[in-house]
Amino acid sequence: MEWMVNQLAERAGISGRTLRHYHRIGLLIPDRIGSNGYRYYGPASVARLQRILLLRDAGMALSDVVKVLDSPSTPAAEEKALQAHLQRLAEDRDTLDRRISAVQHTLQMRREGREPRMDVMLQGFNDAYEDEVVQRWGRQAFDASNQWWHAKSVRQQREWKERSEALLARWREVQETGCRAESEAAREHAGTHLRWFAEIPGTPTHAGDREQSLAMVLGLADAYEVNPGFHASFGTEAAARFAAQALRLHAPELL
């Protein structure tokens, strides 16, 4: 049995142009090309295409897919790529589960004639920092902090945000008084900042892991210093840089 380009493309959910591109770069060679110039794909090509699509879905660049499939170490490399893909699917499933729970909550509350909780309705939709947290500290850290956050009432969330804004605003106040990062005022507020981290489940500071806590704080200090988003959160770039310097200086002693 053989399929032509359009037949294979339709079944694979990709375009004929994509298949022709794969042929041009040597990624997927047709089993044969007819005298009419048509490409024909048999079982061997379809099996290779399946592996290509799996590796591509795992986020692998086409140049790397070629190397993996044509390398003598293909089994190990392909297994690693498939494992990464499996992890991604599990993470997608977790996000989908949270969204299902949010919709179920809204539906149940409306059936009972009650007002759904606004924060629960958006659970699974508003986790803007999920990818970054998972990449830096793992899925368990994100899930713990996410569940902690969504367990709060709207009032409690508002109060937490106000505390967070006050924490960052205080850094600007200390910096604008002319204090240096080595000052007692900077040291004192660095301690406040670390205790604030420790309140958040999923963080190393909450778990009491000093080594990982220090790595987290130093990583965040780097982000405070160079990320324009944090500059805006602190009020000024100077305040963000000052906080970064003070945390680097005092965290090793205070943790």
C-alpha atoms as a PDB file:
ATOM      1  CA  MET A   1       0.000   0.000   0.000  1.00  0.00           C
ATOM      2  CA  GLU A   2       1.267   3.461  -0.866  1.00  0.00           C
ATOM      3  CA  TRP A   3       0.057   7.022  -0.354  1.00  0.00           C
ATOM      4  CA  MET A   4       0.781  10.099  -2.409  1.00  0.00           C
ATOM      5  CA  VAL A   5       1.729  13.408  -0.827  1.00  0.00           C
ATOM      6  CA  ASN A   6      -1.782  14.749  -0.316  1.00  0.00           C
ATOM      7  CA  GLN A   7      -3.070  11.440   1.046  1.00  0.00           C
ATOM      8  CA  LEU A   8      -0.261  11.140   3.595  1.00  0.00           C
ATOM      9  CA  ALA A   9      -0.494  14.817   4.520  1.00  0.00           C
ATOM     10  CA  GLU A  10      -4.222  14.524   5.208  1.00  0.00           C
ATOM     11  CA  ARG A  11      -3.792  11.472   7.422  1.00  0.00           C
ATOM     12  CA  ALA A  12      -0.847  12.973   9.308  1.00  0.00           C
ATOM     13  CA  GLY A  13      -2.532  16.334   9.845  1.00  0.00           C
ATOM     14  CA  ILE A  14       0.209  18.305   8.103  1.00  0.00           C
ATOM     15  CA  SER A  15       0.464  20.055   4.779  1.00  0.00           C
ATOM     16  CA  GLY A  16       1.741  18.682   1.497  1.00  0.00           C
ATOM     17  CA  ARG A  17       4.216  21.562   1.473  1.00  0.00           C
ATOM     18  CA  THR A  18       5.666  20.253   4.747  1.00  0.00           C
ATOM     19  CA  LEU A  19       6.181  16.784   3.270  1.00  0.00           C
ATOM     20  CA  ARG A  20       7.881  18.231   0.223  1.00  0.00           C
ATOM     21  CA  HIS A  21      10.116  20.319   2.499  1.00  0.00           C
ATOM     22  CA  TYR A  22      11.043  17.215   4.497  1.00  0.00           C
ATOM     23  CA  HIS A  23      12.020  15.566   1.206  1.00  0.00           C
ATOM     24  CA  ARG A  24      14.174  18.519   0.127  1.00  0.00           C
ATOM     25  CA  ILE A  25      16.173  18.539   3.366  1.00  0.00           C
ATOM     26  CA  GLY A  26      16.579  14.751   3.382  1.00  0.00           C
ATOM     27  CA  LEU A  27      14.443  14.208   6.478  1.00  0.00           C
ATOM     28  CA  LEU A  28      11.763  12.054   4.835  1.00  0.00           C
ATOM     29  CA  ILE A  29      12.532  10.447   1.500  1.00  0.00           C
ATOM     30  CA  PRO A  30       9.595   8.897  -0.420  1.00  0.00           C
ATOM     31  CA  ASP A  31       9.777   5.163  -0.978  1.00  0.00           C
ATOM     32  CA  ARG A  32       9.711   5.873  -4.675  1.00  0.00           C
ATOM     33  CA  ILE A  33       9.052   8.602  -7.192  1.00  0.00           C
ATOM     34  CA  GLY A  34       6.903   7.636 -10.164  1.00  0.00           C
ATOM     35  CA  SER A  35       7.614   8.414 -13.780  1.00  0.00           C
ATOM     36  CA  ASN A  36       4.997  11.156 -13.457  1.00  0.00           C
ATOM     37  CA  GLY A  37       7.094  12.821 -10.733  1.00  0.00           C
ATOM     38  CA  TYR A  38       4.648  11.960  -7.952  1.00  0.00           C
ATOM     39  CA  ARG A  39       6.052  10.942  -4.577  1.00  0.00           C
ATOM     40  CA  TYR A  40       4.836   7.651  -3.108  1.00  0.00           C
ATOM     41  CA  TYR A  41       5.121   6.749   0.578  1.00  0.00           C
ATOM     42  CA  GLY A  42       4.926   3.221   1.976  1.00  0.00           C
ATOM     43  CA  PRO A  43       5.034   1.700   5.491  1.00  0.00           C
ATOM     44  CA  ALA A  44       8.712   2.525   6.065  1.00  0.00           C
ATOM     45  CA  SER A  45       8.191   6.220   5.263  1.00  0.00           C
ATOM     46  CA  VAL A  46       5.048   6.409   7.378  1.00  0.00           C
ATOM     47  CA  ALA A  47       6.888   4.855  10.346  1.00  0.00           C
ATOM     48  CA  ARG A  48       9.687   7.405   9.978  1.00  0.00           C
ATOM     49  CA  LEU A  49       7.162  10.241   9.710  1.00  0.00           C
ATOM     50  CA  GLN A  50       5.578   9.131  12.975  1.00  0.00           C
ATOM     51  CA  ARG A  51       8.960   9.413  14.711  1.00  0.00           C
ATOM     52  CA  ILE A  52       9.566  12.807  13.089  1.00  0.00           C
ATOM     53  CA  LEU A  53       6.244  14.169  14.332  1.00  0.00           C
ATOM     54  CA  LEU A  54       6.847  12.862  17.858  1.00  0.00           C
ATOM     55  CA  LEU A  55      10.282  14.457  18.035  1.00  0.00           C
ATOM     56  CA  ARG A  56       9.014  17.720  16.535  1.00  0.00           C
ATOM     57  CA  ASP A  57       6.179  17.787  19.061  1.00  0.00           C
ATOM     58  CA  ALA A  58       8.787  17.395  21.794  1.00  0.00           C
ATOM     59  CA  GLY A  59      10.213  20.740  20.655  1.00  0.00           C
ATOM     60  CA  MET A  60      13.208  19.435  18.730  1.00  0.00           C
ATOM     61  CA  ALA A  61      14.513  21.465  15.787  1.00  0.00           C
ATOM     62  CA  LEU A  62      14.409  19.811  12.370  1.00  0.00           C
ATOM     63  CA  SER A  63      18.209  19.830  12.112  1.00  0.00           C
ATOM     64  CA  ASP A  64      18.369  17.893  15.388  1.00  0.00           C
ATOM     65  CA  VAL A  65      15.615  15.504  14.304  1.00  0.00           C
ATOM     66  CA  VAL A  66      17.729  14.588  11.269  1.00  0.00           C
ATOM     67  CA  LYS A  67      20.731  13.902  13.528  1.00  0.00           C
ATOM     68  CA  VAL A  68      18.702  11.802  15.946  1.00  0.00           C
ATOM     69  CA  LEU A  69      17.050   9.660  13.308  1.00  0.00           C
ATOM     70  CA  ASP A  70      20.224   9.137  11.294  1.00  0.00           C
ATOM     71  CA  SER A  71      22.626   8.731  14.218  1.00  0.00           C
ATOM     72  CA  PRO A  72      23.953   5.333  15.344  1.00  0.00           C
ATOM     73  CA  SER A  73      22.807   6.343  18.870  1.00  0.00           C
ATOM     74  CA  THR A  74      19.238   6.840  17.691  1.00  0.00           C
ATOM     75  CA  PRO A  75      17.533   4.621  20.309  1.00  0.00           C
ATOM     76  CA  ALA A  76      18.962   6.499  23.312  1.00  0.00           C
ATOM     77  CA  ALA A  77      18.500   9.943  21.776  1.00  0.00           C
ATOM     78  CA  GLU A  78      14.990   9.140  20.632  1.00  0.00           C
ATOM     79  CA  GLU A  79      14.077   7.736  24.039  1.00  0.00           C
ATOM     80  CA  LYS A  80      15.273  10.948  25.683  1.00  0.00           C
ATOM     81  CA  ALA A  81      13.217  13.052  23.280  1.00  0.00           C
ATOM     82  CA  LEU A  82      10.136  10.898  23.808  1.00  0.00           C
ATOM     83  CA  GLN A  83      10.581  11.139  27.579  1.00  0.00           C
ATOM     84  CA  ALA A  84      10.641  14.927  27.307  1.00  0.00           C
ATOM     85  CA  HIS A  85       7.532  14.784  25.160  1.00  0.00           C
ATOM     86  CA  LEU A  86       5.812  12.554  27.722  1.00  0.00           C
ATOM     87  CA  GLN A  87       6.654  15.039  30.471  1.00  0.00           C
ATOM     88  CA  ARG A  88       5.199  17.862  28.420  1.00  0.00           C
ATOM     89  CA  LEU A  89       1.995  15.889  27.831  1.00  0.00           C
ATOM     90  CA  ALA A  90       1.704  15.257  31.581  1.00  0.00           C
ATOM     91  CA  GLU A  91       2.089  18.976  32.253  1.00  0.00           C
ATOM     92  CA  ASP A  92      -0.547  19.774  29.642  1.00  0.00           C
ATOM     93  CA  ARG A  93      -2.841  17.255  31.299  1.00  0.00           C
ATOM     94  CA  ASP A  94      -2.352  18.931  34.684  1.00  0.00           C
ATOM     95  CA  THR A  95      -3.249  22.306  33.190  1.00  0.00           C
ATOM     96  CA  LEU A  96      -6.306  20.811  31.516  1.00  0.00           C
ATOM     97  CA  ASP A  97      -7.378  19.181  34.799  1.00  0.00           C
ATOM     98  CA  ARG A  98      -7.213  22.552  36.558  1.00  0.00           C
ATOM     99  CA  ARG A  99      -9.314  24.126  33.827  1.00  0.00           C
ATOM    100  CA  ILE A 100     -11.876  21.333  34.052  1.00  0.00           C
ATOM    101  CA  SER A 101     -12.092  21.861  37.826  1.00  0.00           C
ATOM    102  CA  ALA A 102     -12.599  25.592  37.307  1.00  0.00           C
ATOM    103  CA  VAL A 103     -15.453  25.078  34.853  1.00  0.00           C
ATOM    104  CA  GLN A 104     -17.028  22.412  37.084  1.00  0.00           C
ATOM    105  CA  HIS A 105     -16.920  24.859  39.997  1.00  0.00           C
ATOM    106  CA  THR A 106     -18.625  27.574  37.950  1.00  0.00           C
ATOM    107  CA  LEU A 107     -21.306  25.157  36.744  1.00  0.00           C
ATOM    108  CA  GLN A 108     -21.966  23.774  40.241  1.00  0.00           C
ATOM    109  CA  MET A 109     -22.224  27.219  41.834  1.00  0.00           C
ATOM    110  CA  ARG A 110     -24.682  28.400  39.203  1.00  0.00           C
ATOM    111  CA  ARG A 111     -26.826  25.287  39.611  1.00  0.00           C
ATOM    112  CA  GLU A 112     -27.002  26.058  43.335  1.00  0.00           C
ATOM    113  CA  GLY A 113     -27.874  29.694  42.674  1.00  0.00           C
ATOM    114  CA  ARG A 114     -24.594  30.858  44.194  1.00  0.00           C
ATOM    115  CA  GLU A 115     -21.925  33.215  42.873  1.00  0.00           C
ATOM    116  CA  PRO A 116     -18.775  31.391  41.633  1.00  0.00           C
ATOM    117  CA  ARG A 117     -15.464  32.448  43.179  1.00  0.00           C
ATOM    118  CA  MET A 118     -13.632  34.656  40.710  1.00  0.00           C
ATOM    119  CA  ASP A 119     -10.197  33.237  41.468  1.00  0.00           C
ATOM    120  CA  VAL A 120     -11.384  29.638  41.083  1.00  0.00           C
ATOM    121  CA  MET A 121     -13.108  30.414  37.770  1.00  0.00           C
ATOM    122  CA  LEU A 122      -9.742  31.466  36.347  1.00  0.00           C
ATOM    123  CA  GLN A 123      -7.716  28.602  37.805  1.00  0.00           C
ATOM    124  CA  GLY A 124      -5.636  27.019  35.065  1.00  0.00           C
ATOM    125  CA  PHE A 125      -6.103  30.065  32.820  1.00  0.00           C
ATOM    126  CA  ASN A 126      -4.201  32.787  34.675  1.00  0.00           C
ATOM    127  CA  ASP A 127      -1.016  30.992  35.692  1.00  0.00           C
ATOM    128  CA  ALA A 128       1.222  33.409  33.816  1.00  0.00           C
ATOM    129  CA  TYR A 129       4.470  32.271  35.429  1.00  0.00           C
ATOM    130  CA  GLU A 130       3.878  28.516  35.241  1.00  0.00           C
ATOM    131  CA  ASP A 131       6.465  27.745  32.562  1.00  0.00           C
ATOM    132  CA  GLU A 132       9.154  29.829  34.241  1.00  0.00           C
ATOM    133  CA  VAL A 133       8.549  28.336  37.695  1.00  0.00           C
ATOM    134  CA  VAL A 134       8.467  24.761  36.368  1.00  0.00           C
ATOM    135  CA  GLN A 135      11.657  25.327  34.387  1.00  0.00           C
ATOM    136  CA  ARG A 136      13.515  26.853  37.347  1.00  0.00           C
ATOM    137  CA  TRP A 137      12.215  24.802  40.294  1.00  0.00           C
ATOM    138  CA  GLY A 138      10.118  21.935  38.974  1.00  0.00           C
ATOM    139  CA  ARG A 139       6.481  20.957  38.619  1.00  0.00           C
ATOM    140  CA  GLN A 140       6.029  20.173  42.324  1.00  0.00           C
ATOM    141  CA  ALA A 141       7.080  23.694  43.309  1.00  0.00           C
ATOM    142  CA  PHE A 142       4.570  25.257  40.928  1.00  0.00           C
ATOM    143  CA  ASP A 143       1.712  22.976  41.981  1.00  0.00           C
ATOM    144  CA  ALA A 144       2.319  23.662  45.679  1.00  0.00           C
ATOM    145  CA  SER A 145       2.406  27.437  45.275  1.00  0.00           C
ATOM    146  CA  ASN A 146      -0.466  27.422  42.777  1.00  0.00           C
ATOM    147  CA  GLN A 147      -2.734  25.431  45.102  1.00  0.00           C
ATOM    148  CA  TRP A 148      -1.779  27.681  48.004  1.00  0.00           C
ATOM    149  CA  TRP A 149      -2.652  30.777  45.976  1.00  0.00           C
ATOM    150  CA  HIS A 150      -5.995  29.513  44.686  1.00  0.00           C
ATOM    151  CA  ALA A 151      -7.004  28.346  48.175  1.00  0.00           C
ATOM    152  CA  LYS A 152      -7.049  31.993  49.227  1.00  0.00           C
ATOM    153  CA  SER A 153     -10.189  34.071  49.057  1.00  0.00           C
ATOM    154  CA  VAL A 154     -10.255  37.100  46.765  1.00  0.00           C
ATOM    155  CA  ARG A 155      -9.782  39.320  49.835  1.00  0.00           C
ATOM    156  CA  GLN A 156      -6.769  37.297  50.970  1.00  0.00           C
ATOM    157  CA  GLN A 157      -5.250  37.440  47.490  1.00  0.00           C
ATOM    158  CA  ARG A 158      -5.733  41.197  47.432  1.00  0.00           C
ATOM    159  CA  GLU A 159      -4.073  41.546  50.838  1.00  0.00           C
ATOM    160  CA  TRP A 160      -1.128  39.414  49.725  1.00  0.00           C
ATOM    161  CA  LYS A 161      -0.644  41.522  46.603  1.00  0.00           C
ATOM    162  CA  GLU A 162      -0.732  44.693  48.717  1.00  0.00           C
ATOM    163  CA  ARG A 163       1.930  43.235  51.021  1.00  0.00           C
ATOM    164  CA  SER A 164       4.051  42.279  48.023  1.00  0.00           C
ATOM    165  CA  GLU A 165       3.794  45.764  46.550  1.00  0.00           C
ATOM    166  CA  ALA A 166       4.716  47.271  49.925  1.00  0.00           C
ATOM    167  CA  LEU A 167       7.723  44.937  50.154  1.00  0.00           C
ATOM    168  CA  LEU A 168       9.078  46.171  46.820  1.00  0.00           C
ATOM    169  CA  ALA A 169       8.170  49.794  47.537  1.00  0.00           C
ATOM    170  CA  ARG A 170      10.210  49.613  50.753  1.00  0.00           C
ATOM    171  CA  TRP A 171      13.303  48.707  48.738  1.00  0.00           C
ATOM    172  CA  ARG A 172      12.857  51.919  46.777  1.00  0.00           C
ATOM    173  CA  GLU A 173      12.421  53.933  49.978  1.00  0.00           C
ATOM    174  CA  VAL A 174      15.634  52.547  51.466  1.00  0.00           C
ATOM    175  CA  GLN A 175      17.547  53.110  48.241  1.00  0.00           C
ATOM    176  CA  GLU A 176      16.334  56.687  47.861  1.00  0.00           C
ATOM    177  CA  THR A 177      17.470  57.609  51.382  1.00  0.00           C
ATOM    178  CA  GLY A 178      21.012  57.084  50.147  1.00  0.00           C
ATOM    179  CA  CYS A 179      21.671  53.890  52.093  1.00  0.00           C
ATOM    180  CA  ARG A 180      24.225  51.480  50.734  1.00  0.00           C
ATOM    181  CA  ALA A 181      23.561  47.780  50.202  1.00  0.00           C
ATOM    182  CA  GLU A 182      25.840  47.074  53.180  1.00  0.00           C
ATOM    183  CA  SER A 183      23.694  49.196  55.529  1.00  0.00           C
ATOM    184  CA  GLU A 184      21.669  47.863  58.451  1.00  0.00           C
ATOM    185  CA  ALA A 185      18.454  49.111  56.830  1.00  0.00           C
ATOM    186  CA  ALA A 186      19.202  47.084  53.691  1.00  0.00           C
ATOM    187  CA  ARG A 187      20.137  44.044  55.785  1.00  0.00           C
ATOM    188  CA  GLU A 188      16.928  44.297  57.790  1.00  0.00           C
ATOM    189  CA  HIS A 189      14.742  44.519  54.699  1.00  0.00           C
ATOM    190  CA  ALA A 190      16.629  41.663  53.046  1.00  0.00           C
ATOM    191  CA  GLY A 191      15.571  39.568  56.028  1.00  0.00           C
ATOM    192  CA  THR A 192      11.963  40.669  55.550  1.00  0.00           C
ATOM    193  CA  HIS A 193      12.198  39.724  51.884  1.00  0.00           C
ATOM    194  CA  LEU A 194      13.531  36.238  52.740  1.00  0.00           C
ATOM    195  CA  ARG A 195      10.772  35.658  55.298  1.00  0.00           C
ATOM    196  CA  TRP A 196       8.267  36.650  52.627  1.00  0.00           C
ATOM    197  CA  PHE A 197       9.682  33.934  50.337  1.00  0.00           C
ATOM    198  CA  ALA A 198       9.404  31.419  53.175  1.00  0.00           C
ATOM    199  CA  GLU A 199       5.646  31.961  53.362  1.00  0.00           C
ATOM    200  CA  ILE A 200       5.159  30.575  49.852  1.00  0.00           C
ATOM    201  CA  PRO A 201       4.776  26.763  49.649  1.00  0.00           C
ATOM    202  CA  GLY A 202       6.912  25.207  46.950  1.00  0.00           C
ATOM    203  CA  THR A 203       9.873  27.520  47.484  1.00  0.00           C
ATOM    204  CA  PRO A 204      13.123  26.162  48.945  1.00  0.00           C
ATOM    205  CA  THR A 205      12.880  28.776  51.715  1.00  0.00           C
ATOM    206  CA  HIS A 206       9.507  27.367  52.743  1.00  0.00           C
ATOM    207  CA  ALA A 207      11.027  23.871  52.777  1.00  0.00           C
ATOM    208  CA  GLY A 208      14.038  25.057  54.788  1.00  0.00           C
ATOM    209  CA  ASP A 209      16.586  23.995  52.178  1.00  0.00           C
ATOM    210  CA  ARG A 210      19.384  26.522  52.680  1.00  0.00           C
ATOM    211  CA  GLU A 211      21.471  25.578  49.639  1.00  0.00           C
ATOM    212  CA  GLN A 212      18.545  25.666  47.241  1.00  0.00           C
ATOM    213  CA  SER A 213      17.159  28.789  48.926  1.00  0.00           C
ATOM    214  CA  LEU A 214      20.408  30.624  48.335  1.00  0.00           C
ATOM    215  CA  ALA A 215      20.461  29.502  44.696  1.00  0.00           C
ATOM    216  CA  MET A 216      16.873  30.717  44.260  1.00  0.00           C
ATOM    217  CA  VAL A 217      17.551  34.094  45.887  1.00  0.00           C
ATOM    218  CA  LEU A 218      20.696  34.695  43.850  1.00  0.00           C
ATOM    219  CA  GLY A 219      18.860  33.738  40.672  1.00  0.00           C
ATOM    220  CA  LEU A 220      16.042  36.151  41.479  1.00  0.00           C
ATOM    221  CA  ALA A 221      18.567  38.860  42.325  1.00  0.00           C
ATOM    222  CA  ASP A 222      19.987  38.496  38.814  1.00  0.00           C
ATOM    223  CA  ALA A 223      16.459  38.792  37.399  1.00  0.00           C
ATOM    224  CA  TYR A 224      15.709  41.860  39.536  1.00  0.00           C
ATOM    225  CA  GLU A 225      18.808  43.505  38.141  1.00  0.00           C
ATOM    226  CA  VAL A 226      18.325  42.890  34.420  1.00  0.00           C
ATOM    227  CA  ASN A 227      14.604  42.289  33.842  1.00  0.00           C
ATOM    228  CA  PRO A 228      12.664  45.466  32.876  1.00  0.00           C
ATOM    229  CA  GLY A 229       9.489  43.883  34.257  1.00  0.00           C
ATOM    230  CA  PHE A 230      11.020  43.792  37.723  1.00  0.00           C
ATOM    231  CA  HIS A 231      12.313  47.348  37.319  1.00  0.00           C
ATOM    232  CA  ALA A 232       8.696  48.428  36.877  1.00  0.00           C
ATOM    233  CA  SER A 233       7.598  46.361  39.890  1.00  0.00           C
ATOM    234  CA  PHE A 234      10.194  47.985  42.139  1.00  0.00           C
ATOM    235  CA  GLY A 235       9.302  51.429  40.815  1.00  0.00           C
ATOM    236  CA  THR A 236      12.729  52.217  39.373  1.00  0.00           C
ATOM    237  CA  GLU A 237      15.656  50.334  37.892  1.00  0.00           C
ATOM    238  CA  ALA A 238      17.880  51.742  40.625  1.00  0.00           C
ATOM    239  CA  ALA A 239      15.657  50.274  43.356  1.00  0.00           C
ATOM    240  CA  ALA A 240      15.638  46.862  41.668  1.00  0.00           C
ATOM    241  CA  ARG A 241      19.420  46.872  41.347  1.00  0.00           C
ATOM    242  CA  PHE A 242      19.785  47.985  44.962  1.00  0.00           C
ATOM    243  CA  ALA A 243      17.567  45.114  46.152  1.00  0.00           C
ATOM    244  CA  ALA A 244      19.581  42.664  44.061  1.00  0.00           C
ATOM    245  CA  GLN A 245      22.864  43.866  45.565  1.00  0.00           C
ATOM    246  CA  ALA A 246      21.515  43.746  49.115  1.00  0.00           C
ATOM    247  CA  LEU A 247      20.063  40.243  48.725  1.00  0.00           C
ATOM    248  CA  ARG A 248      23.321  38.911  47.274  1.00  0.00           C
ATOM    249  CA  LEU A 249      25.239  40.459  50.150  1.00  0.00           C
ATOM    250  CA  HIS A 250      23.016  39.486  53.068  1.00  0.00           C
ATOM    251  CA  ALA A 251      21.257  36.268  52.010  1.00  0.00           C
ATOM    252  CA  PRO A 252      24.245  33.973  52.729  1.00  0.00           C
ATOM    253  CA  GLU A 253      24.264  35.217  56.326  1.00  0.00           C
ATOM    254  CA  LEU A 254      20.500  35.386  56.876  1.00  0.00           C
ATOM    255  CA  LEU A 255      19.441  32.054  55.410  1.00  0.00           C
END
